Amino acid sequence: MVASPESSQLIGRRDFIRLGGLGCCVFLGLSTMPMNNVSRLLNSLTNTAFFENSLLDTVKSTVLPAGQQGRVLADSVSVYDVPSFQGKRLNIYWRDRVLPLTGITIGNSLDSFNMVWYKVGDEGYVHSGDLQPVFTITNPVVTQVPPDGALAEVTVPFTDAHWDPGSDELVAYRFYYGTTYWVVDIVEDDFGNPWYGVRDDKWEYVFYVPSQHLRFIPEDELDPISGGVPPNEKRIEVHIPQQVMIAYEYDQPVFMARIASGAIFSNGDYSTPIGKHMTFHKRASRHMARGNLAANGYDLPGVPWNSYINEDGVAFHGTYWHNNFGRPRSHGCINLTIQASKWVYLWTQPVVPPDQEGIYKRTGTTVDIIE
């Protein structure tokens, strides 16, 4: 997923930004980038004109995959005739509506950090911050679950988890695309339809999900990234002013992603803690709900690819409730795209065995949160 030192090419400051201009993208192939270029890059991230020109270059060559869809994340989104909130409103769609995405461009935004817009069918444009890029992919049913369970991810825009197997049974939660769960059982409903039993790690209940909506993640997909690099030669920097994270091997950058860090809200200061930390506790799936400091009243099942950096529950993790990276907005955690959080999870120490739900050790990868 990340380029090896042998295959990496020198990437200049402009290309570096171009690769990461889209909210759903991460930076790859940076292992030969000089350290002083990283410093210049960070300074350039606050240059709106430079950033906008780089985005324009990127989207001109970007083609969305066939079948690309977008799930509405906000209570509602508006479709405009041009990629601007000042355009003519053509339509309104409500939360969880799944829309066909046919193009990507940049336009005017309320905030300069995210100027990416999606073309919706032949209709118009929706700002990317309120759309989760998704696909609708169904999967063959696994007929036998390992005795201790196995990790799986949702591959449809959303699916309802029921208290008992059966589409007429009461719904406990809605599970969203890219979220992860620990499957412990497979059963059939009264009509012979297969359902996976999912154990909730917060409440210890078992919910039931249509089997074709979950994909079991094979063990080799959970292999460590750059496993041959000594643990003490890996580290992460999180730059709060620029809202980016950079991973280093042998003091050379190999990966970068935009983030959404902790923010100050009316009910308190939830800024991401500054200083030196460590990824000592990791879970591929976590139900963040009341009782977790970082959740602060939210109820979010299946948060994927969690790499915790302190005992208060602050972690790198995937995010499925917004697509607006580049400014603080979390309750302390370091929000990443699901793809980027998976990379961090597989690259950092400690390594989680594929047959375990998580790991907790007193050692890990160093994380510097820089203000």
Protein backbone atom coordinates (compact mmCIF):
# COMPACT_ATOMS: atom_id res chain seq x y z
CA MET A 1 0.00 0.00 0.00
CA VAL A 2 2.95 2.30 0.54
CA ALA A 3 5.81 2.46 -1.91
CA SER A 4 9.00 0.70 -0.93
CA PRO A 5 12.29 2.65 -0.83
CA GLU A 6 13.34 0.88 -4.03
CA SER A 7 10.23 1.97 -5.95
CA SER A 8 9.78 5.45 -4.52
CA GLN A 9 10.56 8.50 -6.63
CA LEU A 10 11.50 11.97 -5.52
CA ILE A 11 8.33 13.97 -4.95
CA GLY A 12 8.48 17.75 -4.85
CA ARG A 13 6.44 20.04 -2.64
CA ARG A 14 3.79 20.72 -5.28
CA ASP A 15 3.26 17.02 -6.11
CA PHE A 16 3.14 16.26 -2.40
CA ILE A 17 0.13 18.52 -1.97
CA ARG A 18 -1.47 17.35 -5.21
CA LEU A 19 -1.52 13.77 -3.96
CA GLY A 20 -3.35 14.73 -0.78
CA GLY A 21 -5.66 17.45 -1.99
CA LEU A 22 -8.75 15.24 -2.02
CA GLY A 23 -10.37 14.59 1.32
CA CYS A 24 -10.51 10.84 0.68
CA CYS A 25 -6.83 10.52 -0.26
CA VAL A 26 -3.58 9.89 1.58
CA PHE A 27 0.02 10.62 0.63
CA LEU A 28 2.18 7.76 -0.59
CA GLY A 29 5.67 7.19 -1.91
CA LEU A 30 7.58 9.81 0.07
CA SER A 31 10.52 7.80 1.30
CA THR A 32 13.09 9.81 -0.64
CA MET A 33 11.71 13.26 0.10
CA PRO A 34 14.33 15.55 1.69
CA MET A 35 13.52 16.66 5.22
CA ASN A 36 13.75 20.36 4.37
CA ASN A 37 11.05 19.86 1.71
CA VAL A 38 8.70 18.61 4.42
CA SER A 39 9.19 21.86 6.31
CA ARG A 40 8.42 23.91 3.21
CA LEU A 41 5.38 21.77 2.51
CA LEU A 42 3.93 22.40 5.97
CA ASN A 43 4.36 26.13 5.48
CA SER A 44 2.63 25.92 2.10
CA LEU A 45 -0.47 24.20 3.46
CA THR A 46 -1.72 27.57 4.71
CA ASN A 47 -1.26 29.16 1.26
CA THR A 48 -4.80 29.00 -0.13
CA ALA A 49 -3.96 30.01 -3.70
CA PHE A 50 -1.14 27.46 -3.93
CA PHE A 51 -3.37 24.75 -2.49
CA GLU A 52 -6.27 25.57 -4.84
CA ASN A 53 -4.06 25.46 -7.94
CA SER A 54 -2.64 22.10 -6.85
CA LEU A 55 -6.15 20.74 -6.31
CA LEU A 56 -7.19 21.87 -9.77
CA ASP A 57 -4.28 19.99 -11.34
CA THR A 58 -5.21 16.87 -9.38
CA VAL A 59 -8.91 16.69 -10.16
CA LYS A 60 -8.32 17.25 -13.87
CA SER A 61 -6.69 13.82 -13.99
CA THR A 62 -8.96 12.09 -11.47
CA VAL A 63 -11.56 9.61 -12.71
CA LEU A 64 -13.94 8.13 -10.18
CA PRO A 65 -14.20 4.33 -10.22
CA ALA A 66 -17.21 2.71 -11.84
CA GLY A 67 -20.01 2.30 -9.35
CA GLN A 68 -18.74 5.06 -7.05
CA GLN A 69 -21.48 6.32 -4.75
CA GLY A 70 -21.81 8.85 -1.98
CA ARG A 71 -23.80 8.48 1.23
CA VAL A 72 -25.30 11.67 2.67
CA LEU A 73 -23.70 12.31 6.08
CA ALA A 74 -25.52 15.45 7.21
CA ASP A 75 -29.21 15.85 8.04
CA SER A 76 -29.53 17.10 4.48
CA VAL A 77 -27.35 18.21 1.56
CA SER A 78 -28.15 20.55 -1.29
CA VAL A 79 -27.35 19.99 -4.94
CA TYR A 80 -26.19 23.13 -6.77
CA ASP A 81 -25.90 23.92 -10.46
CA VAL A 82 -22.25 24.91 -9.94
CA PRO A 83 -19.70 23.78 -7.31
CA SER A 84 -20.45 26.64 -4.93
CA PHE A 85 -22.77 27.29 -2.01
CA GLN A 86 -23.68 30.51 -3.83
CA GLY A 87 -25.00 28.55 -6.81
CA LYS A 88 -28.61 27.79 -7.62
CA ARG A 89 -30.06 25.06 -5.39
CA LEU A 90 -31.49 22.30 -7.54
CA ASN A 91 -32.44 19.63 -5.03
CA ILE A 92 -32.11 18.47 -1.43
CA TYR A 93 -31.26 14.96 -0.24
CA TRP A 94 -31.55 13.65 3.30
CA ARG A 95 -29.28 11.67 5.61
CA ASP A 96 -28.25 8.20 4.36
CA ARG A 97 -29.49 8.79 0.83
CA VAL A 98 -27.08 7.08 -1.54
CA LEU A 99 -26.23 9.10 -4.64
CA PRO A 100 -24.32 8.18 -7.83
CA LEU A 101 -21.04 10.10 -8.06
CA THR A 102 -19.95 10.76 -11.64
CA GLY A 103 -17.24 13.38 -11.28
CA ILE A 104 -15.05 15.45 -8.99
CA THR A 105 -13.97 19.07 -9.15
CA ILE A 106 -13.07 22.02 -6.96
CA GLY A 107 -15.11 25.11 -6.31
CA ASN A 108 -15.98 27.66 -3.70
CA SER A 109 -16.37 26.56 -0.10
CA LEU A 110 -17.29 28.11 3.22
CA ASP A 111 -13.78 27.13 4.38
CA SER A 112 -10.67 27.03 2.22
CA PHE A 113 -9.41 23.73 3.66
CA ASN A 114 -11.88 21.64 1.63
CA MET A 115 -12.82 22.89 -1.83
CA VAL A 116 -13.66 19.46 -3.28
CA TRP A 117 -17.10 18.92 -4.80
CA TYR A 118 -18.68 15.80 -6.30
CA LYS A 119 -20.82 15.69 -9.42
CA VAL A 120 -24.05 13.81 -8.64
CA GLY A 121 -25.28 11.94 -11.70
CA ASP A 122 -26.18 14.51 -14.36
CA GLU A 123 -27.90 16.69 -11.78
CA GLY A 124 -25.38 19.02 -10.17
CA TYR A 125 -22.77 19.34 -7.42
CA VAL A 126 -22.62 18.46 -3.71
CA HIS A 127 -19.81 19.50 -1.36
CA SER A 128 -17.61 16.52 -0.48
CA GLY A 129 -17.56 17.18 3.29
CA ASP A 130 -21.07 15.80 3.68
CA LEU A 131 -20.72 12.74 1.44
CA GLN A 132 -19.01 9.48 2.38
CA PRO A 133 -17.56 7.80 -0.73
CA VAL A 134 -19.03 4.28 -0.74
CA PHE A 135 -19.70 1.27 -2.93
CA THR A 136 -22.42 -1.37 -2.91
CA ILE A 137 -20.66 -4.75 -2.85
CA THR A 138 -22.27 -7.97 -1.68
CA ASN A 139 -20.20 -10.95 -0.54
CA PRO A 140 -20.41 -14.73 -0.58
CA VAL A 141 -21.55 -16.18 2.73
CA VAL A 142 -18.90 -17.72 4.96
CA THR A 143 -20.43 -20.93 6.23
CA GLN A 144 -18.17 -21.43 9.22
CA VAL A 145 -16.87 -18.81 11.65
CA PRO A 146 -13.64 -19.53 13.57
CA PRO A 147 -14.27 -20.55 17.22
CA ASP A 148 -12.92 -17.22 18.54
CA GLY A 149 -14.55 -15.13 15.84
CA ALA A 150 -13.11 -13.10 12.96
CA LEU A 151 -12.89 -9.51 11.77
CA ALA A 152 -15.22 -8.29 9.03
CA GLU A 153 -16.10 -4.98 7.39
CA VAL A 154 -19.29 -3.52 5.94
CA THR A 155 -19.16 -3.30 2.11
CA VAL A 156 -22.52 -1.63 1.42
CA PRO A 157 -23.48 2.01 2.13
CA PHE A 158 -25.29 0.88 5.27
CA THR A 159 -26.96 -2.15 6.78
CA ASP A 160 -29.20 -2.50 9.81
CA ALA A 161 -28.07 -4.61 12.76
CA HIS A 162 -31.00 -6.34 14.46
CA TRP A 163 -31.44 -7.70 17.97
CA ASP A 164 -32.40 -11.06 16.47
CA PRO A 165 -31.87 -12.60 13.03
CA GLY A 166 -34.61 -11.49 10.65
CA SER A 167 -35.49 -8.37 8.69
CA ASP A 168 -38.67 -7.96 10.74
CA GLU A 169 -36.82 -7.96 14.06
CA LEU A 170 -36.09 -4.76 15.98
CA VAL A 171 -33.15 -2.72 14.74
CA ALA A 172 -30.39 -2.03 17.29
CA TYR A 173 -27.99 0.07 15.18
CA ARG A 174 -27.28 1.07 11.63
CA PHE A 175 -23.83 -0.09 10.50
CA TYR A 176 -22.07 1.98 7.85
CA TYR A 177 -19.68 1.37 4.97
CA GLY A 178 -16.12 0.67 6.08
CA THR A 179 -16.97 0.03 9.72
CA THR A 180 -15.52 -3.12 11.27
CA TYR A 181 -16.92 -5.79 13.60
CA TRP A 182 -16.01 -9.05 15.27
CA VAL A 183 -18.21 -11.84 13.88
CA VAL A 184 -18.79 -14.71 16.31
CA ASP A 185 -21.60 -16.75 14.75
CA ILE A 186 -23.67 -17.49 11.69
CA VAL A 187 -27.37 -18.39 11.95
CA GLU A 188 -30.43 -18.58 9.74
CA ASP A 189 -33.70 -16.76 10.22
CA ASP A 190 -37.13 -18.40 9.89
CA PHE A 191 -36.90 -18.14 6.11
CA GLY A 192 -33.48 -19.74 5.83
CA ASN A 193 -31.59 -16.48 5.20
CA PRO A 194 -28.06 -16.33 6.68
CA TRP A 195 -27.13 -13.74 9.33
CA TYR A 196 -23.83 -13.06 11.04
CA GLY A 197 -23.81 -12.64 14.79
CA VAL A 198 -21.66 -9.60 15.68
CA ARG A 199 -20.38 -9.18 19.23
CA ASP A 200 -20.49 -5.58 20.39
CA ASP A 201 -17.28 -4.73 22.28
CA LYS A 202 -18.93 -1.97 24.35
CA TRP A 203 -22.14 -3.53 25.58
CA GLU A 204 -21.27 -7.24 25.08
CA TYR A 205 -24.50 -7.82 23.17
CA VAL A 206 -24.70 -9.82 19.94
CA PHE A 207 -26.37 -8.12 16.98
CA TYR A 208 -27.35 -9.76 13.70
CA VAL A 209 -26.48 -8.46 10.24
CA PRO A 210 -27.34 -9.85 6.76
CA SER A 211 -24.32 -11.97 5.88
CA GLN A 212 -23.87 -10.69 2.34
CA HIS A 213 -23.24 -7.17 3.68
CA LEU A 214 -20.05 -8.09 5.55
CA ARG A 215 -16.66 -9.11 4.12
CA PHE A 216 -14.36 -11.24 6.25
CA ILE A 217 -10.91 -9.64 6.16
CA PRO A 218 -8.30 -12.27 5.21
CA GLU A 219 -5.29 -12.67 7.49
CA ASP A 220 -2.75 -11.62 4.88
CA GLU A 221 -4.56 -8.28 4.52
CA LEU A 222 -3.66 -7.64 8.16
CA ASP A 223 0.07 -8.22 7.71
CA PRO A 224 2.22 -5.43 9.18
CA ILE A 225 3.35 -2.70 6.79
CA SER A 226 7.14 -2.27 6.65
CA GLY A 227 7.51 -5.11 9.11
CA GLY A 228 11.23 -5.29 8.42
CA VAL A 229 11.87 -1.77 9.67
CA PRO A 230 13.07 -1.76 13.31
CA PRO A 231 10.33 -0.38 15.60
CA ASN A 232 12.64 2.35 16.92
CA GLU A 233 13.09 3.64 13.34
CA LYS A 234 9.40 4.41 12.96
CA ARG A 235 7.69 7.52 14.28
CA ILE A 236 4.71 9.78 13.58
CA GLU A 237 4.36 13.55 13.69
CA VAL A 238 0.94 15.18 13.98
CA HIS A 239 1.03 18.85 13.03
CA ILE A 240 -2.01 20.54 14.56
CA PRO A 241 -1.80 23.93 12.75
CA GLN A 242 -1.61 22.23 9.33
CA GLN A 243 -3.94 19.34 10.29
CA VAL A 244 -1.68 16.67 8.83
CA MET A 245 0.14 13.58 10.07
CA ILE A 246 3.42 12.31 8.68
CA ALA A 247 4.91 8.85 9.25
CA TYR A 248 8.68 8.42 9.10
CA GLU A 249 11.01 5.49 8.59
CA TYR A 250 14.69 6.15 9.30
CA ASP A 251 13.75 9.86 9.59
CA GLN A 252 12.43 9.90 6.02
CA PRO A 253 8.70 10.52 5.37
CA VAL A 254 6.83 7.55 3.89
CA PHE A 255 3.17 8.45 4.42
CA MET A 256 1.07 11.54 5.00
CA ALA A 257 -2.64 12.15 5.50
CA ARG A 258 -4.94 15.01 6.35
CA ILE A 259 -6.59 14.81 9.77
CA ALA A 260 -9.30 16.35 11.88
CA SER A 261 -7.96 16.80 15.40
CA GLY A 262 -9.65 17.70 18.67
CA ALA A 263 -11.49 21.01 18.97
CA ILE A 264 -12.89 23.41 21.56
CA PHE A 265 -16.66 23.13 21.94
CA SER A 266 -19.21 25.01 24.02
CA ASN A 267 -19.13 22.21 26.61
CA GLY A 268 -15.37 21.99 26.95
CA ASP A 269 -11.88 21.91 25.48
CA TYR A 270 -11.29 18.62 23.66
CA SER A 271 -8.07 19.59 21.91
CA THR A 272 -5.77 16.72 21.00
CA PRO A 273 -3.09 16.58 23.74
CA ILE A 274 0.20 18.15 22.70
CA GLY A 275 3.46 16.32 23.40
CA LYS A 276 5.04 12.90 23.02
CA HIS A 277 2.80 9.80 23.04
CA MET A 278 2.88 6.18 21.93
CA THR A 279 0.54 3.75 20.12
CA PHE A 280 0.41 1.22 22.94
CA HIS A 281 -3.20 -0.01 22.57
CA LYS A 282 -4.86 -1.03 19.31
CA ARG A 283 -8.23 -2.41 18.28
CA ALA A 284 -9.48 -3.06 14.76
CA SER A 285 -13.02 -2.20 15.88
CA ARG A 286 -14.33 -0.07 18.70
CA HIS A 287 -17.81 0.99 19.79
CA MET A 288 -17.27 4.57 20.96
CA ALA A 289 -20.16 5.51 23.19
CA ARG A 290 -21.03 7.32 26.40
CA GLY A 291 -18.43 6.55 29.01
CA ASN A 292 -15.53 7.10 26.59
CA LEU A 293 -13.90 10.50 27.05
CA ALA A 294 -13.22 10.81 23.35
CA ALA A 295 -16.85 10.01 22.48
CA ASN A 296 -18.46 12.70 24.69
CA GLY A 297 -22.06 11.66 24.16
CA TYR A 298 -21.75 10.06 20.74
CA ASP A 299 -22.80 6.47 20.07
CA LEU A 300 -20.66 5.17 17.22
CA PRO A 301 -20.45 1.40 16.69
CA GLY A 302 -17.74 -0.17 14.58
CA VAL A 303 -15.23 2.69 14.57
CA PRO A 304 -12.44 1.10 12.49
CA TRP A 305 -8.68 0.79 12.92
CA ASN A 306 -8.05 2.36 16.33
CA SER A 307 -4.50 3.10 17.48
CA TYR A 308 -4.69 4.63 20.97
CA ILE A 309 -2.06 7.07 22.20
CA ASN A 310 -3.19 7.65 25.81
CA GLU A 311 -5.33 6.18 28.57
CA ASP A 312 -8.06 8.80 28.05
CA GLY A 313 -9.16 7.10 24.85
CA VAL A 314 -7.49 9.44 22.34
CA ALA A 315 -6.63 7.53 19.18
CA PHE A 316 -5.99 7.57 15.47
CA HIS A 317 -9.10 6.03 13.94
CA GLY A 318 -11.18 5.85 10.80
CA THR A 319 -14.13 8.19 10.44
CA TYR A 320 -17.44 7.47 8.74
CA TRP A 321 -19.56 10.35 10.07
CA HIS A 322 -17.80 13.14 8.15
CA ASN A 323 -15.55 13.58 5.14
CA ASN A 324 -14.24 17.04 6.02
CA PHE A 325 -10.60 16.66 6.97
CA GLY A 326 -8.30 19.64 7.41
CA ARG A 327 -9.68 21.41 10.47
CA PRO A 328 -10.21 20.50 14.15
CA ARG A 329 -13.59 18.92 14.82
CA SER A 330 -13.17 15.82 17.01
CA HIS A 331 -13.42 15.29 20.75
CA GLY A 332 -9.71 14.70 21.14
CA CYS A 333 -9.08 11.87 18.69
CA ILE A 334 -7.17 12.15 15.42
CA ASN A 335 -9.79 11.54 12.74
CA LEU A 336 -8.53 9.97 9.51
CA THR A 337 -10.15 8.49 6.45
CA ILE A 338 -10.80 4.80 6.90
CA GLN A 339 -8.04 3.97 4.41
CA ALA A 340 -5.48 6.13 6.20
CA SER A 341 -6.39 4.81 9.65
CA LYS A 342 -5.95 1.24 8.43
CA TRP A 343 -2.47 2.13 7.16
CA VAL A 344 -1.53 3.61 10.56
CA TYR A 345 -2.96 0.56 12.35
CA LEU A 346 -0.93 -1.87 10.23
CA TRP A 347 2.27 0.20 10.25
CA THR A 348 2.57 1.03 13.95
CA GLN A 349 3.56 -1.08 16.93
CA PRO A 350 2.38 -3.19 18.66
CA VAL A 351 1.26 -5.67 16.01
CA VAL A 352 -2.23 -7.12 16.53
CA PRO A 353 -2.45 -10.83 15.66
CA PRO A 354 -5.25 -11.37 13.11
CA ASP A 355 -7.10 -13.76 15.43
CA GLN A 356 -7.26 -11.19 18.25
CA GLU A 357 -9.67 -8.26 18.69
CA GLY A 358 -6.93 -6.02 20.03
CA ILE A 359 -3.66 -5.69 21.90
CA TYR A 360 -2.36 -3.67 24.85
CA LYS A 361 1.34 -3.29 25.57
CA ARG A 362 3.65 -0.84 27.29
CA THR A 363 5.63 -0.30 24.11
CA GLY A 364 4.66 1.13 20.75
CA THR A 365 5.40 3.66 18.01
CA THR A 366 6.32 7.19 19.07
CA VAL A 367 3.80 9.91 18.23
CA ASP A 368 4.70 13.61 18.52
CA ILE A 369 1.73 15.98 18.61
CA ILE A 370 3.11 19.35 17.56
CA GLU A 371 1.35 22.68 18.07
